[in-house]
């Protein structure tokens, strides 16, 4: 019987661009565009500046470009630096299952390795599809946050395989890359509890850096521990519990699985906040149109599912955020500020807004409770019920089960483009921003990814 690492490696080695349906190829291009937009929006964010400053001390040839610059760094450091940018605003895509994830976190690493390996657009697309498949299938197999580990732990495996695929590794080398990545992959869930820090947006980038390093070492002949998942002190025993993978990684799966790619089940965010708040934002903004004077709001109650309450709706710091990272992971704050401001943009996560004494006082009148029906529907539906009590006794209520951008309610190409352009505004001139979007949407035709980095240069 093949081990999990062997199944992952064999499928990765065999996957070809010709196996990908047109809808999957198109979706990859949308996610690359969305990710580049998220990176541009985070260009001046403190942790991204810090990561860039450190990475620019290192040079490599061949190397990979740090997004927004012309500097070539080692590909593992480019994966880290660029990964921080894509993830920091909490605006990149999402997958919800036993373990939630942001699978486009894999894209910066794939871009870095593709450039260093002089790969073409088709090979990059294959690597991204592979990464989504691996991470999302692992998320389906077991919740690791329930055991104290962070979801980015799975990313070391997905990035190692994507990077190894771009390096042209065979199945045996890919298996060793998985072993090297896995033995040092476990990340503590502390990244996402309590008062959140810069590291919340950098944790996957660090896992990706480790995954790229694992592939680089395997490419040079380094062997990794095995069996990494099933071993006496392996991943299943110490981190995840039993992993029963489905799709192409199932024990009895055929060599190829071309009809059910995971990227089509993932969701693009419409608002720059933690995903479980998206339907609450939509409900709050809809209610806001019915409230002529926000001063009439006496209290707000939010009913949500267990995942939302556990991740963003509990803990005293959610009612008194002191960092951007906590504010965009606070269901009471996000819902309240949507009601008061009538929008959710980067402005709502500036310190002057989330530290506003009047807004903090208002938060004392916001409650979050669990709703068993919403919990039973999760993750097929990601619902929130927002109820507003007004002076005079009037109560308004909205329930949203499927937020805009969800896989069941996807953004149009125009909406993805609009989101990207809004993030690029002020960082790239409009002409170059549009040219970059056109370039990405023809990615499968490109012989090199170098031009993408040239177009992203911040001048």
Protein backbone atom coordinates (compact mmCIF):
# COMPACT_ATOMS: atom_id res chain seq x y z
CA UNK A 1 0.00 0.00 0.00
CA UNK A 2 1.40 3.41 -0.96
CA UNK A 3 2.06 5.94 1.79
CA UNK A 4 0.36 9.34 1.77
CA UNK A 5 3.62 10.99 0.72
CA UNK A 6 3.94 8.57 -2.20
CA UNK A 7 0.39 9.27 -3.33
CA UNK A 8 0.95 13.04 -3.16
CA UNK A 9 4.28 12.80 -4.98
CA UNK A 10 3.09 10.43 -7.70
CA UNK A 11 0.08 12.55 -8.59
CA UNK A 12 2.19 15.71 -8.54
CA UNK A 13 4.75 14.17 -10.88
CA UNK A 14 2.08 13.05 -13.34
CA UNK A 15 -0.10 16.18 -13.48
CA UNK A 16 0.11 18.01 -16.83
CA UNK A 17 -1.33 21.23 -18.20
CA UNK A 18 -3.33 19.15 -20.68
CA UNK A 19 -5.16 17.59 -17.72
CA UNK A 20 -6.65 20.92 -16.70
CA UNK A 21 -10.14 21.94 -17.87
CA UNK A 22 -10.42 25.49 -19.30
CA UNK A 23 -12.48 26.59 -16.28
CA UNK A 24 -9.64 25.61 -13.95
CA UNK A 25 -7.03 27.45 -16.02
CA UNK A 26 -9.22 30.54 -16.06
CA UNK A 27 -9.74 30.38 -12.31
CA UNK A 28 -5.98 30.19 -11.70
CA UNK A 29 -5.52 33.42 -13.66
CA UNK A 30 -8.23 35.12 -11.61
CA UNK A 31 -6.48 34.06 -8.40
CA UNK A 32 -3.09 35.31 -9.60
CA UNK A 33 -4.67 38.67 -10.45
CA UNK A 34 -6.43 38.82 -7.08
CA UNK A 35 -3.22 37.88 -5.24
CA UNK A 36 -1.13 40.51 -7.01
CA UNK A 37 -3.78 43.08 -6.13
CA UNK A 38 -3.67 42.04 -2.47
CA UNK A 39 0.13 42.35 -2.52
CA UNK A 40 0.00 45.85 -4.00
CA UNK A 41 -2.55 46.91 -1.41
CA UNK A 42 -0.13 45.82 1.34
CA UNK A 43 2.96 47.43 -0.23
CA UNK A 44 3.52 49.91 2.60
CA UNK A 45 2.25 47.78 5.53
CA UNK A 46 4.80 47.52 8.33
CA UNK A 47 5.41 43.74 8.31
CA UNK A 48 5.75 43.77 4.51
CA UNK A 49 8.30 46.58 4.68
CA UNK A 50 10.19 44.66 7.37
CA UNK A 51 10.21 41.45 5.33
CA UNK A 52 11.34 43.32 2.22
CA UNK A 53 14.11 45.08 4.13
CA UNK A 54 15.49 41.76 5.40
CA UNK A 55 15.12 39.93 2.07
CA UNK A 56 16.91 42.71 0.18
CA UNK A 57 20.06 41.95 2.18
CA UNK A 58 20.27 38.66 0.24
CA UNK A 59 20.95 38.35 -3.48
CA UNK A 60 20.85 35.39 -5.85
CA UNK A 61 21.39 34.71 -9.53
CA UNK A 62 19.30 33.00 -10.66
CA UNK A 63 16.89 34.34 -8.11
CA UNK A 64 13.36 35.60 -7.73
CA UNK A 65 12.16 39.19 -7.70
CA UNK A 66 10.75 40.78 -4.58
CA UNK A 67 7.37 42.12 -5.72
CA UNK A 68 7.47 45.85 -6.37
CA UNK A 69 11.26 45.94 -6.73
CA UNK A 70 13.95 44.83 -9.18
CA UNK A 71 15.92 42.95 -6.50
CA UNK A 72 16.62 39.26 -7.08
CA UNK A 73 16.65 37.31 -3.82
CA UNK A 74 16.93 33.55 -3.18
CA UNK A 75 13.57 32.03 -4.15
CA UNK A 76 12.78 30.88 -0.61
CA UNK A 77 13.22 34.44 0.69
CA UNK A 78 11.18 35.85 -2.20
CA UNK A 79 8.45 33.36 -1.31
CA UNK A 80 8.47 34.69 2.25
CA UNK A 81 8.59 38.39 1.40
CA UNK A 82 5.99 38.22 -1.37
CA UNK A 83 3.85 35.86 0.69
CA UNK A 84 3.66 38.42 3.49
CA UNK A 85 2.37 40.98 0.99
CA UNK A 86 -0.33 38.75 -0.49
CA UNK A 87 -1.61 37.66 2.91
CA UNK A 88 -1.26 40.73 5.10
CA UNK A 89 -4.54 42.54 4.38
CA UNK A 90 -6.54 39.34 4.96
CA UNK A 91 -8.06 39.95 1.54
CA UNK A 92 -6.89 36.89 -0.41
CA UNK A 93 -9.04 33.87 -1.12
CA UNK A 94 -10.43 31.28 1.29
CA UNK A 95 -11.31 27.62 1.56
CA UNK A 96 -13.60 26.41 4.36
CA UNK A 97 -13.62 22.84 5.56
CA UNK A 98 -12.61 20.94 8.70
CA UNK A 99 -9.62 23.29 8.60
CA UNK A 100 -10.03 26.76 7.01
CA UNK A 101 -7.27 28.01 4.73
CA UNK A 102 -6.19 30.71 2.28
CA UNK A 103 -4.91 28.60 -0.62
CA UNK A 104 -3.72 31.56 -2.71
CA UNK A 105 -0.99 31.85 -0.06
CA UNK A 106 0.74 29.26 -2.27
CA UNK A 107 0.88 31.59 -5.28
CA UNK A 108 3.80 33.85 -4.21
CA UNK A 109 6.01 30.79 -3.65
CA UNK A 110 5.02 29.31 -7.01
CA UNK A 111 5.78 32.62 -8.73
CA UNK A 112 9.20 32.84 -7.07
CA UNK A 113 10.25 29.33 -8.04
CA UNK A 114 8.82 29.67 -11.55
CA UNK A 115 10.95 32.75 -12.13
CA UNK A 116 14.11 31.21 -10.65
CA UNK A 117 13.60 28.08 -12.78
CA UNK A 118 12.75 30.09 -15.90
CA UNK A 119 9.40 28.37 -16.07
CA UNK A 120 6.61 29.35 -18.43
CA UNK A 121 3.02 30.29 -17.75
CA UNK A 122 1.68 26.78 -18.23
CA UNK A 123 4.07 25.25 -15.71
CA UNK A 124 3.16 27.97 -13.21
CA UNK A 125 -0.55 27.25 -13.67
CA UNK A 126 0.01 23.52 -13.10
CA UNK A 127 1.98 24.20 -9.91
CA UNK A 128 -0.74 26.47 -8.54
CA UNK A 129 -3.47 23.90 -9.28
CA UNK A 130 -1.35 21.27 -7.56
CA UNK A 131 -0.86 23.43 -4.46
CA UNK A 132 -4.60 24.14 -4.17
CA UNK A 133 -5.34 20.44 -4.55
CA UNK A 134 -2.90 19.36 -1.84
CA UNK A 135 -3.73 22.03 0.74
CA UNK A 136 -7.49 21.84 0.34
CA UNK A 137 -7.58 18.02 0.41
CA UNK A 138 -5.55 18.09 3.63
CA UNK A 139 -7.99 20.64 5.06
CA UNK A 140 -10.82 18.24 4.21
CA UNK A 141 -9.06 15.37 5.97
CA UNK A 142 -8.50 16.80 9.47
CA UNK A 143 -8.86 19.90 11.61
CA UNK A 144 -5.50 20.69 13.13
CA UNK A 145 -6.54 23.93 14.86
CA UNK A 146 -8.65 21.76 17.16
CA UNK A 147 -5.36 20.16 18.26
CA UNK A 148 -3.52 23.46 18.77
CA UNK A 149 -1.82 23.78 15.38
CA UNK A 150 -2.22 26.53 12.80
CA UNK A 151 -3.71 25.92 9.36
CA UNK A 152 -0.50 27.11 7.66
CA UNK A 153 1.08 23.80 8.74
CA UNK A 154 -0.50 22.15 5.69
CA UNK A 155 1.10 24.80 3.48
CA UNK A 156 4.60 23.40 3.88
CA UNK A 157 3.43 20.26 2.03
CA UNK A 158 1.54 22.07 -0.73
CA UNK A 159 4.37 24.51 -1.41
CA UNK A 160 7.05 21.80 -1.35
CA UNK A 161 5.17 19.86 -4.02
CA UNK A 162 4.40 22.92 -6.13
CA UNK A 163 8.01 24.10 -5.95
CA UNK A 164 9.33 20.62 -6.68
CA UNK A 165 7.01 20.34 -9.68
CA UNK A 166 8.40 23.61 -11.07
CA UNK A 167 11.92 22.28 -10.52
CA UNK A 168 11.11 19.20 -12.59
CA UNK A 169 11.56 16.72 -9.74
CA UNK A 170 10.48 13.14 -10.21
CA UNK A 171 8.13 11.28 -7.88
CA UNK A 172 10.92 9.98 -5.61
CA UNK A 173 12.49 13.42 -5.13
CA UNK A 174 9.06 14.91 -4.53
CA UNK A 175 8.45 12.32 -1.83
CA UNK A 176 11.68 13.35 -0.12
CA UNK A 177 10.66 17.02 -0.39
CA UNK A 178 7.41 16.15 1.39
CA UNK A 179 9.35 14.42 4.15
CA UNK A 180 11.75 17.32 4.63
CA UNK A 181 8.89 19.81 4.62
CA UNK A 182 6.75 17.77 6.99
CA UNK A 183 9.25 17.06 9.72
CA UNK A 184 9.57 20.75 10.60
CA UNK A 185 6.15 21.96 9.48
CA UNK A 186 4.04 22.24 12.66
CA UNK A 187 3.08 25.84 13.46
CA UNK A 188 1.45 26.81 16.75
CA UNK A 189 -2.12 28.14 16.66
CA UNK A 190 -0.99 30.95 18.96
CA UNK A 191 -0.50 32.95 15.75
CA UNK A 192 -4.27 33.45 15.63
CA UNK A 193 -5.46 33.75 19.23
CA UNK A 194 -5.39 36.57 21.77
CA UNK A 195 -4.17 40.01 20.67
CA UNK A 196 -2.88 39.34 17.17
CA UNK A 197 0.52 40.47 15.90
CA UNK A 198 2.23 41.07 12.58
CA UNK A 199 2.99 37.35 12.45
CA UNK A 200 -0.67 36.52 11.77
CA UNK A 201 -0.13 37.65 8.18
CA UNK A 202 3.37 36.18 7.89
CA UNK A 203 2.87 32.65 9.24
CA UNK A 204 2.02 31.01 5.92
CA UNK A 205 4.83 32.89 4.20
CA UNK A 206 7.21 31.28 6.68
CA UNK A 207 5.71 27.83 5.99
CA UNK A 208 6.08 28.52 2.27
CA UNK A 209 9.71 29.48 2.73
CA UNK A 210 10.25 26.14 4.47
CA UNK A 211 8.44 24.31 1.65
CA UNK A 212 10.61 25.93 -1.03
CA UNK A 213 13.75 25.08 0.94
CA UNK A 214 12.61 21.45 1.20
CA UNK A 215 12.19 21.23 -2.58
CA UNK A 216 15.55 22.91 -3.19
CA UNK A 217 17.28 20.40 -0.93
CA UNK A 218 15.49 17.42 -2.45
CA UNK A 219 16.50 18.64 -5.89
CA UNK A 220 20.14 18.33 -4.85
CA UNK A 221 19.70 14.81 -3.53
CA UNK A 222 18.78 15.39 0.12
CA UNK A 223 16.58 12.60 1.46
CA UNK A 224 13.76 13.14 3.92
CA UNK A 225 12.31 11.11 6.80
CA UNK A 226 9.72 8.50 5.93
CA UNK A 227 6.98 7.63 6.35
CA UNK A 228 6.41 11.26 7.29
CA UNK A 229 2.66 10.91 7.85
CA UNK A 230 2.19 7.34 9.12
CA UNK A 231 5.45 6.93 11.05
CA UNK A 232 5.84 6.11 14.73
CA UNK A 233 6.43 9.79 15.52
CA UNK A 234 5.00 11.11 12.26
CA UNK A 235 2.54 13.82 11.31
CA UNK A 236 -0.62 11.78 11.95
CA UNK A 237 0.53 10.71 15.41
CA UNK A 238 1.69 14.11 16.64
CA UNK A 239 -0.17 16.77 14.63
CA UNK A 240 -3.23 15.86 12.58
CA UNK A 241 -4.63 12.54 13.69
CA UNK A 242 -5.69 10.09 10.94
CA UNK A 243 -5.72 11.55 7.43
CA UNK A 244 -8.15 9.96 4.99
CA UNK A 245 -7.49 11.88 1.79
CA UNK A 246 -10.04 11.98 -0.99
CA UNK A 247 -9.88 12.72 -4.70
CA UNK A 248 -6.62 11.94 -6.48
CA UNK A 249 -4.86 11.17 -3.18
CA UNK A 250 -7.24 8.46 -2.01
CA UNK A 251 -5.73 5.01 -1.55
CA UNK A 252 -7.73 3.54 -4.42
CA UNK A 253 -7.73 6.61 -6.67
CA UNK A 254 -6.94 6.42 -10.36
CA UNK A 255 -3.79 8.13 -11.54
CA UNK A 256 -5.57 11.28 -12.64
CA UNK A 257 -8.60 13.13 -11.37
CA UNK A 258 -9.55 15.85 -13.82
CA UNK A 259 -13.19 16.61 -13.09
CA UNK A 260 -13.20 17.88 -9.53
CA UNK A 261 -10.41 20.38 -8.95
CA UNK A 262 -10.42 22.06 -5.56
CA UNK A 263 -9.68 25.58 -6.80
CA UNK A 264 -13.26 25.72 -8.08
CA UNK A 265 -14.53 25.20 -4.51
CA UNK A 266 -12.64 28.13 -3.05
CA UNK A 267 -13.94 31.67 -2.53
CA UNK A 268 -12.64 35.14 -3.35
CA UNK A 269 -13.15 37.75 -0.65
CA UNK A 270 -15.27 40.79 -1.41
CA UNK A 271 -14.27 42.73 1.72
CA UNK A 272 -10.82 42.98 3.40
CA UNK A 273 -11.62 41.06 6.59
CA UNK A 274 -11.55 37.51 7.96
CA UNK A 275 -13.78 35.29 5.87
CA UNK A 276 -16.27 34.26 8.54
CA UNK A 277 -17.28 37.93 8.85
CA UNK A 278 -18.13 38.34 5.15
CA UNK A 279 -21.83 37.50 5.49
CA UNK A 280 -22.10 39.68 8.61
CA UNK A 281 -20.63 42.60 6.67
CA UNK A 282 -23.13 42.05 3.87
CA UNK A 283 -26.02 41.91 6.34
CA UNK A 284 -24.81 45.00 8.22
CA UNK A 285 -24.35 47.07 5.06
CA UNK A 286 -27.81 46.09 3.90
CA UNK A 287 -29.28 47.15 7.26
CA UNK A 288 -27.33 50.42 7.18
CA UNK A 289 -29.39 51.57 4.22
CA UNK A 290 -32.50 51.44 6.42
CA UNK A 291 -31.03 53.45 9.30
CA UNK A 292 -31.18 57.19 8.76
CA UNK A 293 -29.28 58.04 11.95
CA UNK A 294 -26.74 55.58 13.40
CA UNK A 295 -27.11 57.42 16.68
CA UNK A 296 -30.46 55.63 17.02
CA UNK A 297 -28.73 52.25 17.36
CA UNK A 298 -28.98 51.03 20.94
CA UNK A 299 -27.62 47.50 20.59
CA UNK A 300 -26.42 44.98 18.01
CA UNK A 301 -26.61 41.21 18.33
CA UNK A 302 -24.90 38.77 15.99
CA UNK A 303 -25.80 35.10 15.74
CA UNK A 304 -23.14 33.01 14.09
CA UNK A 305 -21.80 29.49 13.65
CA UNK A 306 -19.27 27.84 15.92
CA UNK A 307 -16.26 28.42 13.66
CA UNK A 308 -16.88 32.17 13.51
CA UNK A 309 -17.45 32.44 17.26
CA UNK A 310 -14.32 30.42 18.03
CA UNK A 311 -12.05 32.23 15.57
CA UNK A 312 -13.27 35.84 15.51
CA UNK A 313 -16.16 36.16 17.96
CA UNK A 314 -14.76 35.36 21.39
CA UNK A 315 -12.12 36.79 23.73
CA UNK A 316 -12.13 40.24 25.33
CA UNK A 317 -9.61 41.56 22.79
CA UNK A 318 -12.25 41.24 20.03
CA UNK A 319 -14.20 44.01 21.78
CA UNK A 320 -11.13 46.21 22.33
CA UNK A 321 -8.77 45.67 19.37
CA UNK A 322 -5.40 47.40 19.62
CA UNK A 323 -3.92 46.20 16.31
CA UNK A 324 -5.06 45.97 12.72
CA UNK A 325 -4.59 42.23 12.86
CA UNK A 326 -7.06 41.91 15.75
CA UNK A 327 -9.52 44.38 14.24
CA UNK A 328 -9.83 42.44 10.97
CA UNK A 329 -10.30 39.26 13.05
CA UNK A 330 -13.03 40.72 15.27
CA UNK A 331 -16.61 39.85 14.34
CA UNK A 332 -18.13 42.45 16.73
CA UNK A 333 -15.82 45.23 15.52
CA UNK A 334 -16.21 44.48 11.82
CA UNK A 335 -20.00 44.30 12.05
CA UNK A 336 -20.27 47.44 14.18
CA UNK A 337 -18.02 49.56 11.97
CA UNK A 338 -19.87 48.39 8.85
CA UNK A 339 -23.13 49.60 10.42
CA UNK A 340 -21.69 52.94 11.50
CA UNK A 341 -19.46 53.79 8.52
CA UNK A 342 -21.52 52.11 5.80
CA UNK A 343 -18.38 50.58 4.26
CA UNK A 344 -15.55 48.15 4.88
CA UNK A 345 -12.29 49.28 3.30
CA UNK A 346 -8.74 49.74 4.51
CA UNK A 347 -9.89 52.87 6.34
CA UNK A 348 -11.83 50.82 8.86
CA UNK A 349 -8.62 49.08 9.91
CA UNK A 350 -6.52 52.17 10.49
CA UNK A 351 -5.51 52.69 14.12
CA UNK A 352 -7.34 55.99 14.35
CA UNK A 353 -10.59 54.17 13.54
CA UNK A 354 -10.42 51.00 15.61
CA UNK A 355 -9.05 52.93 18.60
CA UNK A 356 -11.77 55.61 18.43
CA UNK A 357 -13.18 55.90 22.00
CA UNK A 358 -16.75 56.41 20.75
CA UNK A 359 -16.53 53.29 18.60
CA UNK A 360 -15.04 51.28 21.45
CA UNK A 361 -17.89 52.41 23.70
CA UNK A 362 -20.37 51.33 21.01
CA UNK A 363 -18.76 47.87 20.96
CA UNK A 364 -19.88 47.33 24.55
CA UNK A 365 -23.41 47.13 23.15
CA UNK A 366 -22.55 44.41 20.59
CA UNK A 367 -23.06 40.75 21.46
CA UNK A 368 -22.13 37.52 19.68
CA UNK A 369 -23.94 34.23 20.29
CA UNK A 370 -23.86 30.77 18.75
CA UNK A 371 -26.65 29.59 16.47
CA UNK A 372 -26.95 25.81 16.21
CA UNK A 373 -28.67 25.89 12.82
CA UNK A 374 -25.93 28.05 11.30
CA UNK A 375 -23.33 25.72 12.83
CA UNK A 376 -24.98 22.68 11.24
CA UNK A 377 -24.96 24.35 7.82
CA UNK A 378 -21.26 25.26 8.02
CA UNK A 379 -19.10 25.08 5.88
CA UNK A 380 -21.57 24.58 3.01
CA UNK A 381 -23.08 27.88 4.14
CA UNK A 382 -21.21 30.60 6.04
CA UNK A 383 -24.11 32.48 7.56
CA UNK A 384 -24.56 35.29 10.03
CA UNK A 385 -27.67 36.92 11.45
CA UNK A 386 -27.35 40.58 12.40
CA UNK A 387 -30.04 42.17 14.58
CA UNK A 388 -30.12 45.92 15.36
CA UNK A 389 -32.20 47.40 18.17
CA UNK A 390 -33.16 51.06 17.58
CA UNK A 391 -34.47 53.72 19.91
CA UNK A 392 -38.20 53.50 20.26
CA UNK A 393 -38.16 49.70 20.30
CA UNK A 394 -37.87 49.03 16.58
CA UNK A 395 -35.68 46.03 15.63
CA UNK A 396 -34.13 45.32 12.21
CA UNK A 397 -32.74 41.95 11.19
CA UNK A 398 -30.84 40.52 8.22
CA UNK A 399 -29.60 37.01 7.60
CA UNK A 400 -27.02 36.21 4.91
CA UNK A 401 -26.05 32.58 4.37
CA UNK A 402 -23.87 32.88 1.27
CA UNK A 403 -21.76 36.03 1.00
CA UNK A 404 -20.76 37.61 -2.29
CA UNK A 405 -17.61 35.96 -3.62
CA UNK A 406 -18.36 32.56 -2.13
CA UNK A 407 -17.73 29.57 -4.42
CA UNK A 408 -21.52 29.21 -4.63
CA UNK A 409 -21.89 32.91 -5.50
CA UNK A 410 -18.62 33.76 -7.29
CA UNK A 411 -17.42 37.18 -8.28
CA UNK A 412 -17.58 37.99 -11.97
CA UNK A 413 -14.38 38.65 -13.89
CA UNK A 414 -15.25 42.34 -13.82
CA UNK A 415 -15.65 42.30 -10.04
CA UNK A 416 -12.27 40.59 -9.64
CA UNK A 417 -10.74 43.22 -11.94
CA UNK A 418 -12.38 46.06 -9.99
CA UNK A 419 -11.07 44.68 -6.70
CA UNK A 420 -7.56 44.35 -8.15
CA UNK A 421 -7.56 47.89 -9.58
CA UNK A 422 -8.73 49.34 -6.25
CA UNK A 423 -5.71 47.75 -4.53
CA UNK A 424 -3.30 48.83 -7.27
CA UNK A 425 -4.54 52.43 -7.18
CA UNK A 426 -1.88 54.72 -5.77
CA UNK A 427 0.82 52.06 -6.13
CA UNK A 428 0.87 51.56 -9.91
CA UNK A 429 -0.26 54.06 -12.53
CA UNK A 430 -3.54 53.08 -14.15
CA UNK A 431 -1.99 52.28 -17.52
CA UNK A 432 0.48 49.80 -16.09
CA UNK A 433 -2.11 48.33 -13.73
CA UNK A 434 -4.38 47.56 -16.68
CA UNK A 435 -1.48 46.18 -18.73
CA UNK A 436 -0.53 43.89 -15.86
CA UNK A 437 -4.11 42.59 -15.59
CA UNK A 438 -4.19 41.86 -19.32
CA UNK A 439 -0.83 40.07 -19.06
CA UNK A 440 -1.99 37.84 -16.20
CA UNK A 441 -5.20 36.89 -18.00
CA UNK A 442 -3.05 35.53 -20.86
CA UNK A 443 -0.72 33.68 -18.51
CA UNK A 444 -0.87 30.31 -20.30
CA UNK A 445 0.57 31.99 -23.41
CA UNK A 446 3.66 33.36 -21.64
CA UNK A 447 7.11 31.81 -22.04
CA UNK A 448 8.47 33.53 -18.92
CA UNK A 449 7.10 35.21 -15.79
CA UNK A 450 9.82 37.89 -15.75
CA UNK A 451 7.54 40.48 -17.36
CA UNK A 452 4.99 40.11 -14.57
CA UNK A 453 7.58 41.27 -12.02
CA UNK A 454 8.63 44.14 -14.30
CA UNK A 455 5.04 45.35 -14.53
CA UNK A 456 4.60 45.13 -10.74
CA UNK A 457 7.63 47.33 -10.06
CA UNK A 458 6.68 50.23 -7.80
CA UNK A 459 8.42 53.32 -9.16
